[in-house]
Each structure stands twice: as C-alpha cells, then as structure tokens.
Amino acid sequence: AWIENNQTGRTVWEMTWRNTLPAGGASKNRLFDDIVLLPPGS
C-alpha cells in the first residue's frame, strides 16, 4: 500500500520491504505495524 496527498498527488508514505517485518506464514508475507501521522488534509 501507499498514501497519496490529494492536493499535490505526491506519495507521502509507502510500504516497502525495509519498513516491514515478517508477518508469519510464507516468507513473502510482510507487515507494517506502526503509526503514520499525517497533517490535516485529503
């Protein structure tokens, strides 16, 4: 997944291999378990 700012069209966060952990099961299962704080907006 990723999050885009609707006003600018820019990606403000994206799920990558580096910011995820194993989610269990198959090795391709990845988990991002954190908080993404965004300023008010769309």
PDB file of all heavy atoms in Angstrom:
ATOM      1  N   ALA A   1       0.829  -1.199   0.000  1.00  0.00           N
ATOM      2  CA  ALA A   1       0.000   0.000   0.000  1.00  0.00           C
ATOM      3  C   ALA A   1       0.864   1.249   0.000  1.00  0.00           C
ATOM      4  O   ALA A   1       2.050   1.194   0.316  1.00  0.00           O
ATOM      5  CB  ALA A   1      -0.894  -0.003   1.241  1.00  0.00           C
ATOM      6  N   TRP A   2       0.233   2.373  -0.351  1.00  0.00           N
ATOM      7  CA  TRP A   2       0.873   3.675  -0.223  1.00  0.00           C
ATOM      8  C   TRP A   2      -0.212   4.717  -0.023  1.00  0.00           C
ATOM      9  O   TRP A   2      -1.391   4.467  -0.261  1.00  0.00           O
ATOM     10  CB  TRP A   2       1.767   3.984  -1.415  1.00  0.00           C
ATOM     11  CG  TRP A   2       1.088   4.213  -2.727  1.00  0.00           C
ATOM     12  CD1 TRP A   2       0.750   5.411  -3.287  1.00  0.00           C
ATOM     13  CD2 TRP A   2       0.678   3.211  -3.661  1.00  0.00           C
ATOM     14  NE1 TRP A   2       0.164   5.230  -4.506  1.00  0.00           N
ATOM     15  CE2 TRP A   2       0.103   3.882  -4.757  1.00  0.00           C
ATOM     16  CE3 TRP A   2       0.731   1.824  -3.682  1.00  0.00           C
ATOM     17  CZ2 TRP A   2      -0.418   3.204  -5.854  1.00  0.00           C
ATOM     18  CZ3 TRP A   2       0.219   1.154  -4.767  1.00  0.00           C
ATOM     19  CH2 TRP A   2      -0.337   1.836  -5.841  1.00  0.00           C
ATOM     20  N   ILE A   3       0.192   5.895   0.441  1.00  0.00           N
ATOM     21  CA  ILE A   3      -0.736   7.000   0.696  1.00  0.00           C
ATOM     22  C   ILE A   3      -0.305   8.193  -0.153  1.00  0.00           C
ATOM     23  O   ILE A   3       0.868   8.559  -0.162  1.00  0.00           O
ATOM     24  CB  ILE A   3      -0.740   7.398   2.190  1.00  0.00           C
ATOM     25  CG1 ILE A   3      -1.119   6.203   3.067  1.00  0.00           C
ATOM     26  CG2 ILE A   3      -1.691   8.577   2.435  1.00  0.00           C
ATOM     27  CD1 ILE A   3      -0.932   6.452   4.550  1.00  0.00           C
ATOM     28  N   GLU A   4      -1.280   8.791  -0.839  1.00  0.00           N
ATOM     29  CA  GLU A   4      -1.019   9.961  -1.670  1.00  0.00           C
ATOM     30  C   GLU A   4      -1.728  11.186  -1.104  1.00  0.00           C
ATOM     31  O   GLU A   4      -2.856  11.078  -0.621  1.00  0.00           O
ATOM     32  CB  GLU A   4      -1.532   9.734  -3.094  1.00  0.00           C
ATOM     33  CG  GLU A   4      -0.815   8.644  -3.830  1.00  0.00           C
ATOM     34  CD  GLU A   4      -1.428   8.355  -5.192  1.00  0.00           C
ATOM     35  OE1 GLU A   4      -2.487   8.947  -5.530  1.00  0.00           O
ATOM     36  OE2 GLU A   4      -0.852   7.531  -5.916  1.00  0.00           O
ATOM     37  N   ASN A   5      -1.076  12.336  -1.174  1.00  0.00           N
ATOM     38  CA  ASN A   5      -1.687  13.615  -0.836  1.00  0.00           C
ATOM     39  C   ASN A   5      -2.534  14.025  -2.033  1.00  0.00           C
ATOM     40  O   ASN A   5      -2.022  14.147  -3.146  1.00  0.00           O
ATOM     41  CB  ASN A   5      -0.598  14.651  -0.550  1.00  0.00           C
ATOM     42  CG  ASN A   5      -1.157  16.006  -0.202  1.00  0.00           C
ATOM     43  OD1 ASN A   5      -1.980  16.565  -0.919  1.00  0.00           O
ATOM     44  ND2 ASN A   5      -0.689  16.546   0.908  1.00  0.00           N
ATOM     45  N   ASN A   6      -3.833  14.219  -1.830  1.00  0.00           N
ATOM     46  CA  ASN A   6      -4.719  14.536  -2.949  1.00  0.00           C
ATOM     47  C   ASN A   6      -4.450  15.908  -3.558  1.00  0.00           C
ATOM     48  O   ASN A   6      -4.717  16.115  -4.738  1.00  0.00           O
ATOM     49  CB  ASN A   6      -6.183  14.446  -2.524  1.00  0.00           C
ATOM     50  CG  ASN A   6      -6.617  13.022  -2.295  1.00  0.00           C
ATOM     51  OD1 ASN A   6      -5.999  12.079  -2.784  1.00  0.00           O
ATOM     52  ND2 ASN A   6      -7.672  12.847  -1.529  1.00  0.00           N
ATOM     53  N   GLN A   7      -3.931  16.836  -2.785  1.00  0.00           N
ATOM     54  CA  GLN A   7      -3.669  18.174  -3.307  1.00  0.00           C
ATOM     55  C   GLN A   7      -2.442  18.189  -4.223  1.00  0.00           C
ATOM     56  O   GLN A   7      -2.447  18.818  -5.270  1.00  0.00           O
ATOM     57  CB  GLN A   7      -3.483  19.169  -2.172  1.00  0.00           C
ATOM     58  CG  GLN A   7      -3.350  20.599  -2.650  1.00  0.00           C
ATOM     59  CD  GLN A   7      -3.317  21.586  -1.503  1.00  0.00           C
ATOM     60  OE1 GLN A   7      -3.276  21.213  -0.331  1.00  0.00           O
ATOM     61  NE2 GLN A   7      -3.324  22.852  -1.839  1.00  0.00           N
ATOM     62  N   THR A   8      -1.397  17.474  -3.823  1.00  0.00           N
ATOM     63  CA  THR A   8      -0.149  17.501  -4.591  1.00  0.00           C
ATOM     64  C   THR A   8       0.032  16.294  -5.500  1.00  0.00           C
ATOM     65  O   THR A   8       0.845  16.322  -6.419  1.00  0.00           O
ATOM     66  CB  THR A   8       1.062  17.567  -3.645  1.00  0.00           C
ATOM     67  OG1 THR A   8       1.123  16.348  -2.895  1.00  0.00           O
ATOM     68  CG2 THR A   8       0.979  18.761  -2.712  1.00  0.00           C
ATOM     69  N   GLY A   9      -0.676  15.208  -5.210  1.00  0.00           N
ATOM     70  CA  GLY A   9      -0.504  13.967  -5.957  1.00  0.00           C
ATOM     71  C   GLY A   9       0.741  13.188  -5.552  1.00  0.00           C
ATOM     72  O   GLY A   9       1.024  12.127  -6.090  1.00  0.00           O
ATOM     73  N   ARG A  10       1.466  13.708  -4.582  1.00  0.00           N
ATOM     74  CA  ARG A  10       2.705  13.058  -4.156  1.00  0.00           C
ATOM     75  C   ARG A  10       2.436  11.942  -3.146  1.00  0.00           C
ATOM     76  O   ARG A  10       1.525  12.015  -2.332  1.00  0.00           O
ATOM     77  CB  ARG A  10       3.643  14.080  -3.519  1.00  0.00           C
ATOM     78  CG  ARG A  10       4.166  15.047  -4.520  1.00  0.00           C
ATOM     79  CD  ARG A  10       5.222  15.917  -3.919  1.00  0.00           C
ATOM     80  NE  ARG A  10       5.793  16.759  -4.966  1.00  0.00           N
ATOM     81  CZ  ARG A  10       6.508  17.812  -4.737  1.00  0.00           C
ATOM     82  NH1 ARG A  10       6.780  18.176  -3.503  1.00  0.00           N
ATOM     83  NH2 ARG A  10       6.978  18.521  -5.734  1.00  0.00           N
ATOM     84  N   THR A  11       3.284  10.930  -3.212  1.00  0.00           N
ATOM     85  CA  THR A  11       3.237   9.848  -2.241  1.00  0.00           C
ATOM     86  C   THR A  11       3.855  10.348  -0.932  1.00  0.00           C
ATOM     87  O   THR A  11       4.975  10.841  -0.930  1.00  0.00           O
ATOM     88  CB  THR A  11       4.010   8.622  -2.761  1.00  0.00           C
ATOM     89  OG1 THR A  11       3.379   8.167  -3.961  1.00  0.00           O
ATOM     90  CG2 THR A  11       4.034   7.491  -1.736  1.00  0.00           C
ATOM     91  N   VAL A  12       3.091  10.227   0.172  1.00  0.00           N
ATOM     92  CA  VAL A  12       3.586  10.689   1.469  1.00  0.00           C
ATOM     93  C   VAL A  12       4.040   9.541   2.357  1.00  0.00           C
ATOM     94  O   VAL A  12       4.699   9.748   3.368  1.00  0.00           O
ATOM     95  CB  VAL A  12       2.536  11.555   2.196  1.00  0.00           C
ATOM     96  CG1 VAL A  12       2.259  12.830   1.417  1.00  0.00           C
ATOM     97  CG2 VAL A  12       1.249  10.775   2.429  1.00  0.00           C
ATOM     98  N   TRP A  13       3.661   8.323   1.994  1.00  0.00           N
ATOM     99  CA  TRP A  13       4.120   7.123   2.699  1.00  0.00           C
ATOM    100  C   TRP A  13       3.929   5.943   1.759  1.00  0.00           C
ATOM    101  O   TRP A  13       2.974   5.888   0.986  1.00  0.00           O
ATOM    102  CB  TRP A  13       3.320   6.880   3.982  1.00  0.00           C
ATOM    103  CG  TRP A  13       3.707   5.590   4.634  1.00  0.00           C
ATOM    104  CD1 TRP A  13       4.732   5.395   5.502  1.00  0.00           C
ATOM    105  CD2 TRP A  13       3.108   4.304   4.434  1.00  0.00           C
ATOM    106  NE1 TRP A  13       4.808   4.065   5.859  1.00  0.00           N
ATOM    107  CE2 TRP A  13       3.818   3.378   5.209  1.00  0.00           C
ATOM    108  CE3 TRP A  13       2.045   3.840   3.668  1.00  0.00           C
ATOM    109  CZ2 TRP A  13       3.494   2.031   5.257  1.00  0.00           C
ATOM    110  CZ3 TRP A  13       1.728   2.490   3.708  1.00  0.00           C
ATOM    111  CH2 TRP A  13       2.452   1.611   4.501  1.00  0.00           C
ATOM    112  N   GLU A  14       4.858   4.980   1.830  1.00  0.00           N
ATOM    113  CA  GLU A  14       4.659   3.741   1.083  1.00  0.00           C
ATOM    114  C   GLU A  14       5.248   2.563   1.841  1.00  0.00           C
ATOM    115  O   GLU A  14       6.222   2.687   2.575  1.00  0.00           O
ATOM    116  CB  GLU A  14       5.229   3.834  -0.326  1.00  0.00           C
ATOM    117  CG  GLU A  14       6.723   3.883  -0.422  1.00  0.00           C
ATOM    118  CD  GLU A  14       7.181   3.965  -1.868  1.00  0.00           C
ATOM    119  OE1 GLU A  14       6.803   3.089  -2.674  1.00  0.00           O
ATOM    120  OE2 GLU A  14       7.922   4.900  -2.180  1.00  0.00           O
ATOM    121  N   MET A  15       4.622   1.445   1.653  1.00  0.00           N
ATOM    122  CA  MET A  15       5.065   0.194   2.253  1.00  0.00           C
ATOM    123  C   MET A  15       6.211  -0.351   1.415  1.00  0.00           C
ATOM    124  O   MET A  15       6.066  -0.524   0.208  1.00  0.00           O
ATOM    125  CB  MET A  15       3.895  -0.792   2.277  1.00  0.00           C
ATOM    126  CG  MET A  15       4.165  -2.079   2.951  1.00  0.00           C
ATOM    127  SD  MET A  15       2.641  -3.060   2.929  1.00  0.00           S
ATOM    128  CE  MET A  15       3.245  -4.523   3.716  1.00  0.00           C
ATOM    129  N   THR A  16       7.335  -0.595   2.058  1.00  0.00           N
ATOM    130  CA  THR A  16       8.497  -1.140   1.367  1.00  0.00           C
ATOM    131  C   THR A  16       9.002  -2.357   2.135  1.00  0.00           C
ATOM    132  O   THR A  16       8.600  -2.601   3.276  1.00  0.00           O
ATOM    133  CB  THR A  16       9.633  -0.099   1.272  1.00  0.00           C
ATOM    134  OG1 THR A  16      10.109   0.186   2.593  1.00  0.00           O
ATOM    135  CG2 THR A  16       9.160   1.173   0.585  1.00  0.00           C
ATOM    136  N   TRP A  17       9.876  -3.097   1.515  1.00  0.00           N
ATOM    137  CA  TRP A  17      10.469  -4.247   2.191  1.00  0.00           C
ATOM    138  C   TRP A  17      11.200  -3.801   3.454  1.00  0.00           C
ATOM    139  O   TRP A  17      11.130  -4.453   4.487  1.00  0.00           O
ATOM    140  CB  TRP A  17      11.419  -4.980   1.234  1.00  0.00           C
ATOM    141  CG  TRP A  17      11.844  -6.312   1.759  1.00  0.00           C
ATOM    142  CD1 TRP A  17      12.984  -6.591   2.457  1.00  0.00           C
ATOM    143  CD2 TRP A  17      11.138  -7.541   1.670  1.00  0.00           C
ATOM    144  NE1 TRP A  17      13.048  -7.916   2.790  1.00  0.00           N
ATOM    145  CE2 TRP A  17      11.908  -8.528   2.315  1.00  0.00           C
ATOM    146  CE3 TRP A  17       9.930  -7.912   1.102  1.00  0.00           C
ATOM    147  CZ2 TRP A  17      11.504  -9.846   2.410  1.00  0.00           C
ATOM    148  CZ3 TRP A  17       9.542  -9.231   1.187  1.00  0.00           C
ATOM    149  CH2 TRP A  17      10.320 -10.174   1.829  1.00  0.00           C
ATOM    150  N   ARG A  18      11.889  -2.661   3.377  1.00  0.00           N
ATOM    151  CA  ARG A  18      12.695  -2.180   4.504  1.00  0.00           C
ATOM    152  C   ARG A  18      11.876  -1.714   5.702  1.00  0.00           C
ATOM    153  O   ARG A  18      12.363  -1.774   6.818  1.00  0.00           O
ATOM    154  CB  ARG A  18      13.595  -1.038   4.052  1.00  0.00           C
ATOM    155  CG  ARG A  18      14.727  -1.492   3.211  1.00  0.00           C
ATOM    156  CD  ARG A  18      15.613  -0.341   2.907  1.00  0.00           C
ATOM    157  NE  ARG A  18      16.957  -0.856   2.723  1.00  0.00           N
ATOM    158  CZ  ARG A  18      18.001  -0.118   2.526  1.00  0.00           C
ATOM    159  NH1 ARG A  18      17.878   1.192   2.507  1.00  0.00           N
ATOM    160  NH2 ARG A  18      19.176  -0.658   2.353  1.00  0.00           N
ATOM    161  N   ASN A  19      10.663  -1.207   5.485  1.00  0.00           N
ATOM    162  CA  ASN A  19       9.886  -0.718   6.626  1.00  0.00           C
ATOM    163  C   ASN A  19       8.844  -1.728   7.091  1.00  0.00           C
ATOM    164  O   ASN A  19       7.905  -1.377   7.800  1.00  0.00           O
ATOM    165  CB  ASN A  19       9.263   0.661   6.346  1.00  0.00           C
ATOM    166  CG  ASN A  19       8.149   0.646   5.325  1.00  0.00           C
ATOM    167  OD1 ASN A  19       7.670  -0.391   4.891  1.00  0.00           O
ATOM    168  ND2 ASN A  19       7.725   1.835   4.917  1.00  0.00           N
ATOM    169  N   THR A  20       8.999  -2.985   6.685  1.00  0.00           N
ATOM    170  CA  THR A  20       8.081  -4.045   7.112  1.00  0.00           C
ATOM    171  C   THR A  20       8.838  -5.162   7.821  1.00  0.00           C
ATOM    172  O   THR A  20      10.064  -5.235   7.762  1.00  0.00           O
ATOM    173  CB  THR A  20       7.330  -4.634   5.898  1.00  0.00           C
ATOM    174  OG1 THR A  20       8.284  -5.182   4.977  1.00  0.00           O
ATOM    175  CG2 THR A  20       6.480  -3.588   5.208  1.00  0.00           C
ATOM    176  N   LEU A  21       8.065  -6.010   8.459  1.00  0.00           N
ATOM    177  CA  LEU A  21       8.599  -7.179   9.168  1.00  0.00           C
ATOM    178  C   LEU A  21       7.906  -8.430   8.645  1.00  0.00           C
ATOM    179  O   LEU A  21       6.828  -8.341   8.054  1.00  0.00           O
ATOM    180  CB  LEU A  21       8.318  -7.045  10.668  1.00  0.00           C
ATOM    181  CG  LEU A  21       8.917  -5.837  11.371  1.00  0.00           C
ATOM    182  CD1 LEU A  21       8.342  -5.710  12.777  1.00  0.00           C
ATOM    183  CD2 LEU A  21      10.423  -5.942  11.398  1.00  0.00           C
ATOM    184  N   PRO A  22       8.472  -9.601   8.891  1.00  0.00           N
ATOM    185  CA  PRO A  22       7.767 -10.821   8.510  1.00  0.00           C
ATOM    186  C   PRO A  22       6.407 -10.894   9.215  1.00  0.00           C
ATOM    187  O   PRO A  22       6.291 -10.560  10.392  1.00  0.00           O
ATOM    188  CB  PRO A  22       8.698 -11.933   8.995  1.00  0.00           C
ATOM    189  CG  PRO A  22      10.057 -11.300   9.046  1.00  0.00           C
ATOM    190  CD  PRO A  22       9.799  -9.870   9.451  1.00  0.00           C
ATOM    191  N   ALA A  23       5.385 -11.311   8.479  1.00  0.00           N
ATOM    192  CA  ALA A  23       4.030 -11.383   9.018  1.00  0.00           C
ATOM    193  C   ALA A  23       3.627 -12.805   9.391  1.00  0.00           C
ATOM    194  O   ALA A  23       2.487 -13.061   9.731  1.00  0.00           O
ATOM    195  CB  ALA A  23       3.041 -10.810   8.004  1.00  0.00           C
ATOM    196  N   GLY A  24       4.565 -13.743   9.298  1.00  0.00           N
ATOM    197  CA  GLY A  24       4.248 -15.143   9.572  1.00  0.00           C
ATOM    198  C   GLY A  24       3.809 -15.843   8.302  1.00  0.00           C
ATOM    199  O   GLY A  24       3.468 -15.217   7.306  1.00  0.00           O
ATOM    200  N   GLY A  25       3.835 -17.157   8.339  1.00  0.00           N
ATOM    201  CA  GLY A  25       3.465 -17.932   7.152  1.00  0.00           C
ATOM    202  C   GLY A  25       4.553 -17.854   6.099  1.00  0.00           C
ATOM    203  O   GLY A  25       5.745 -17.892   6.412  1.00  0.00           O
ATOM    204  N   ALA A  26       4.153 -17.693   4.849  1.00  0.00           N
ATOM    205  CA  ALA A  26       5.105 -17.623   3.740  1.00  0.00           C
ATOM    206  C   ALA A  26       6.045 -16.432   3.919  1.00  0.00           C
ATOM    207  O   ALA A  26       5.664 -15.395   4.465  1.00  0.00           O
ATOM    208  CB  ALA A  26       4.358 -17.497   2.413  1.00  0.00           C
ATOM    209  N   SER A  27       7.267 -16.569   3.429  1.00  0.00           N
ATOM    210  CA  SER A  27       8.262 -15.506   3.593  1.00  0.00           C
ATOM    211  C   SER A  27       7.858 -14.220   2.882  1.00  0.00           C
ATOM    212  O   SER A  27       8.332 -13.144   3.225  1.00  0.00           O
ATOM    213  CB  SER A  27       9.633 -15.971   3.103  1.00  0.00           C
ATOM    214  OG  SER A  27       9.576 -16.275   1.730  1.00  0.00           O
ATOM    215  N   LYS A  28       6.974 -14.311   1.889  1.00  0.00           N
ATOM    216  CA  LYS A  28       6.530 -13.110   1.179  1.00  0.00           C
ATOM    217  C   LYS A  28       5.501 -12.295   1.963  1.00  0.00           C
ATOM    218  O   LYS A  28       5.199 -11.160   1.592  1.00  0.00           O
ATOM    219  CB  LYS A  28       5.960 -13.475  -0.186  1.00  0.00           C
ATOM    220  CG  LYS A  28       4.702 -14.329  -0.141  1.00  0.00           C
ATOM    221  CD  LYS A  28       4.275 -14.687  -1.553  1.00  0.00           C
ATOM    222  CE  LYS A  28       3.096 -15.631  -1.565  1.00  0.00           C
ATOM    223  NZ  LYS A  28       2.675 -15.907  -2.938  1.00  0.00           N
ATOM    224  N   ASN A  29       4.973 -12.835   3.055  1.00  0.00           N
ATOM    225  CA  ASN A  29       4.014 -12.107   3.881  1.00  0.00           C
ATOM    226  C   ASN A  29       4.755 -11.054   4.696  1.00  0.00           C
ATOM    227  O   ASN A  29       5.628 -11.376   5.492  1.00  0.00           O
ATOM    228  CB  ASN A  29       3.275 -13.053   4.834  1.00  0.00           C
ATOM    229  CG  ASN A  29       2.439 -14.068   4.114  1.00  0.00           C
ATOM    230  OD1 ASN A  29       2.061 -13.880   2.973  1.00  0.00           O
ATOM    231  ND2 ASN A  29       2.149 -15.163   4.792  1.00  0.00           N
ATOM    232  N   ARG A  30       4.401  -9.790   4.501  1.00  0.00           N
ATOM    233  CA  ARG A  30       5.077  -8.679   5.181  1.00  0.00           C
ATOM    234  C   ARG A  30       4.051  -7.861   5.965  1.00  0.00           C
ATOM    235  O   ARG A  30       2.874  -7.797   5.600  1.00  0.00           O
ATOM    236  CB  ARG A  30       5.797  -7.781   4.183  1.00  0.00           C
ATOM    237  CG  ARG A  30       6.820  -8.495   3.320  1.00  0.00           C
ATOM    238  CD  ARG A  30       7.958  -9.088   4.095  1.00  0.00           C
ATOM    239  NE  ARG A  30       8.790  -8.036   4.690  1.00  0.00           N
ATOM    240  CZ  ARG A  30       9.832  -8.282   5.466  1.00  0.00           C
ATOM    241  NH1 ARG A  30      10.175  -9.535   5.754  1.00  0.00           N
ATOM    242  NH2 ARG A  30      10.548  -7.294   5.958  1.00  0.00           N
ATOM    243  N   LEU A  31       4.523  -7.218   7.032  1.00  0.00           N
ATOM    244  CA  LEU A  31       3.663  -6.456   7.933  1.00  0.00           C
ATOM    245  C   LEU A  31       4.297  -5.117   8.255  1.00  0.00           C
ATOM    246  O   LEU A  31       5.466  -5.057   8.645  1.00  0.00           O
ATOM    247  CB  LEU A  31       3.462  -7.247   9.229  1.00  0.00           C
ATOM    248  CG  LEU A  31       2.808  -6.527  10.398  1.00  0.00           C
ATOM    249  CD1 LEU A  31       1.341  -6.272  10.112  1.00  0.00           C
ATOM    250  CD2 LEU A  31       2.967  -7.357  11.658  1.00  0.00           C
ATOM    251  N   PHE A  32       3.540  -4.037   8.074  1.00  0.00           N
ATOM    252  CA  PHE A  32       3.930  -2.724   8.584  1.00  0.00           C
ATOM    253  C   PHE A  32       3.039  -2.485   9.786  1.00  0.00           C
ATOM    254  O   PHE A  32       1.820  -2.423   9.667  1.00  0.00           O
ATOM    255  CB  PHE A  32       3.712  -1.628   7.535  1.00  0.00           C
ATOM    256  CG  PHE A  32       4.001  -0.249   8.065  1.00  0.00           C
ATOM    257  CD1 PHE A  32       5.298   0.233   8.079  1.00  0.00           C
ATOM    258  CD2 PHE A  32       2.997   0.557   8.553  1.00  0.00           C
ATOM    259  CE1 PHE A  32       5.588   1.490   8.574  1.00  0.00           C
ATOM    260  CE2 PHE A  32       3.264   1.811   9.048  1.00  0.00           C
ATOM    261  CZ  PHE A  32       4.564   2.281   9.060  1.00  0.00           C
ATOM    262  N   ASP A  33       3.627  -2.374  10.967  1.00  0.00           N
ATOM    263  CA  ASP A  33       2.856  -2.207  12.201  1.00  0.00           C
ATOM    264  C   ASP A  33       3.382  -0.989  12.940  1.00  0.00           C
ATOM    265  O   ASP A  33       4.208  -1.101  13.844  1.00  0.00           O
ATOM    266  CB  ASP A  33       2.976  -3.466  13.061  1.00  0.00           C
ATOM    267  CG  ASP A  33       2.054  -3.425  14.271  1.00  0.00           C
ATOM    268  OD1 ASP A  33       1.121  -2.609  14.287  1.00  0.00           O
ATOM    269  OD2 ASP A  33       2.281  -4.215  15.203  1.00  0.00           O
ATOM    270  N   ASP A  34       2.922   0.164  12.514  1.00  0.00           N
ATOM    271  CA  ASP A  34       3.369   1.418  13.105  1.00  0.00           C
ATOM    272  C   ASP A  34       2.289   2.464  12.847  1.00  0.00           C
ATOM    273  O   ASP A  34       1.270   2.172  12.233  1.00  0.00           O
ATOM    274  CB  ASP A  34       4.706   1.850  12.504  1.00  0.00           C
ATOM    275  CG  ASP A  34       5.503   2.768  13.418  1.00  0.00           C
ATOM    276  OD1 ASP A  34       4.958   3.243  14.437  1.00  0.00           O
ATOM    277  OD2 ASP A  34       6.673   3.010  13.115  1.00  0.00           O
ATOM    278  N   ILE A  35       2.542   3.658  13.278  1.00  0.00           N
ATOM    279  CA  ILE A  35       1.603   4.756  13.096  1.00  0.00           C
ATOM    280  C   ILE A  35       2.185   5.727  12.074  1.00  0.00           C
ATOM    281  O   ILE A  35       3.360   6.085  12.144  1.00  0.00           O
ATOM    282  CB  ILE A  35       1.349   5.482  14.435  1.00  0.00           C
ATOM    283  CG1 ILE A  35       0.668   4.524  15.412  1.00  0.00           C
ATOM    284  CG2 ILE A  35       0.521   6.741  14.218  1.00  0.00           C
ATOM    285  CD1 ILE A  35       0.558   5.064  16.821  1.00  0.00           C
ATOM    286  N   VAL A  36       1.363   6.129  11.126  1.00  0.00           N
ATOM    287  CA  VAL A  36       1.738   7.148  10.154  1.00  0.00           C
ATOM    288  C   VAL A  36       0.889   8.374  10.477  1.00  0.00           C
ATOM    289  O   VAL A  36      -0.329   8.354  10.299  1.00  0.00           O
ATOM    290  CB  VAL A  36       1.475   6.681   8.701  1.00  0.00           C
ATOM    291  CG1 VAL A  36       1.804   7.784   7.721  1.00  0.00           C
ATOM    292  CG2 VAL A  36       2.256   5.415   8.397  1.00  0.00           C
ATOM    293  N   LEU A  37       1.523   9.416  11.003  1.00  0.00           N
ATOM    294  CA  LEU A  37       0.799  10.645  11.323  1.00  0.00           C
ATOM    295  C   LEU A  37       0.899  11.606  10.144  1.00  0.00           C
ATOM    296  O   LEU A  37       1.994  11.885   9.655  1.00  0.00           O
ATOM    297  CB  LEU A  37       1.388  11.298  12.574  1.00  0.00           C
ATOM    298  CG  LEU A  37       1.203  10.521  13.873  1.00  0.00           C
ATOM    299  CD1 LEU A  37       1.932  11.218  15.022  1.00  0.00           C
ATOM    300  CD2 LEU A  37      -0.271  10.372  14.208  1.00  0.00           C
ATOM    301  N   LEU A  38      -0.245  12.087   9.706  1.00  0.00           N
ATOM    302  CA  LEU A  38      -0.296  12.991   8.568  1.00  0.00           C
ATOM    303  C   LEU A  38      -0.927  14.316   9.000  1.00  0.00           C
ATOM    304  O   LEU A  38      -1.846  14.324   9.810  1.00  0.00           O
ATOM    305  CB  LEU A  38      -1.140  12.383   7.448  1.00  0.00           C
ATOM    306  CG  LEU A  38      -0.660  11.038   6.911  1.00  0.00           C
ATOM    307  CD1 LEU A  38      -1.707  10.448   5.980  1.00  0.00           C
ATOM    308  CD2 LEU A  38       0.660  11.209   6.196  1.00  0.00           C
ATOM    309  N   PRO A  39      -0.452  15.421   8.442  1.00  0.00           N
ATOM    310  CA  PRO A  39      -1.088  16.698   8.748  1.00  0.00           C
ATOM    311  C   PRO A  39      -2.508  16.722   8.177  1.00  0.00           C
ATOM    312  O   PRO A  39      -2.829  15.951   7.266  1.00  0.00           O
ATOM    313  CB  PRO A  39      -0.191  17.736   8.071  1.00  0.00           C
ATOM    314  CG  PRO A  39       0.610  16.994   7.074  1.00  0.00           C
ATOM    315  CD  PRO A  39       0.687  15.571   7.534  1.00  0.00           C
ATOM    316  N   PRO A  40      -3.371  17.597   8.703  1.00  0.00           N
ATOM    317  CA  PRO A  40      -4.736  17.679   8.150  1.00  0.00           C
ATOM    318  C   PRO A  40      -4.690  17.868   6.636  1.00  0.00           C
ATOM    319  O   PRO A  40      -3.831  18.578   6.105  1.00  0.00           O
ATOM    320  CB  PRO A  40      -5.316  18.914   8.839  1.00  0.00           C
ATOM    321  CG  PRO A  40      -4.545  19.031  10.118  1.00  0.00           C
ATOM    322  CD  PRO A  40      -3.150  18.557   9.780  1.00  0.00           C
ATOM    323  N   GLY A  41      -5.594  17.225   5.959  1.00  0.00           N
ATOM    324  CA  GLY A  41      -5.638  17.304   4.506  1.00  0.00           C
ATOM    325  C   GLY A  41      -6.477  16.183   3.941  1.00  0.00           C
ATOM    326  O   GLY A  41      -7.161  15.467   4.662  1.00  0.00           O
ATOM    327  N   SER A  42      -6.375  15.998   2.655  1.00  0.00           N
ATOM    328  CA  SER A  42      -7.121  14.969   1.947  1.00  0.00           C
ATOM    329  C   SER A  42      -6.121  13.987   1.345  1.00  0.00           C
ATOM    330  O   SER A  42      -5.184  14.388   0.650  1.00  0.00           O
ATOM    331  CB  SER A  42      -7.965  15.624   0.850  1.00  0.00           C
ATOM    332  OG  SER A  42      -8.649  14.650   0.102  1.00  0.00           O
TER     333      SER A  42
END
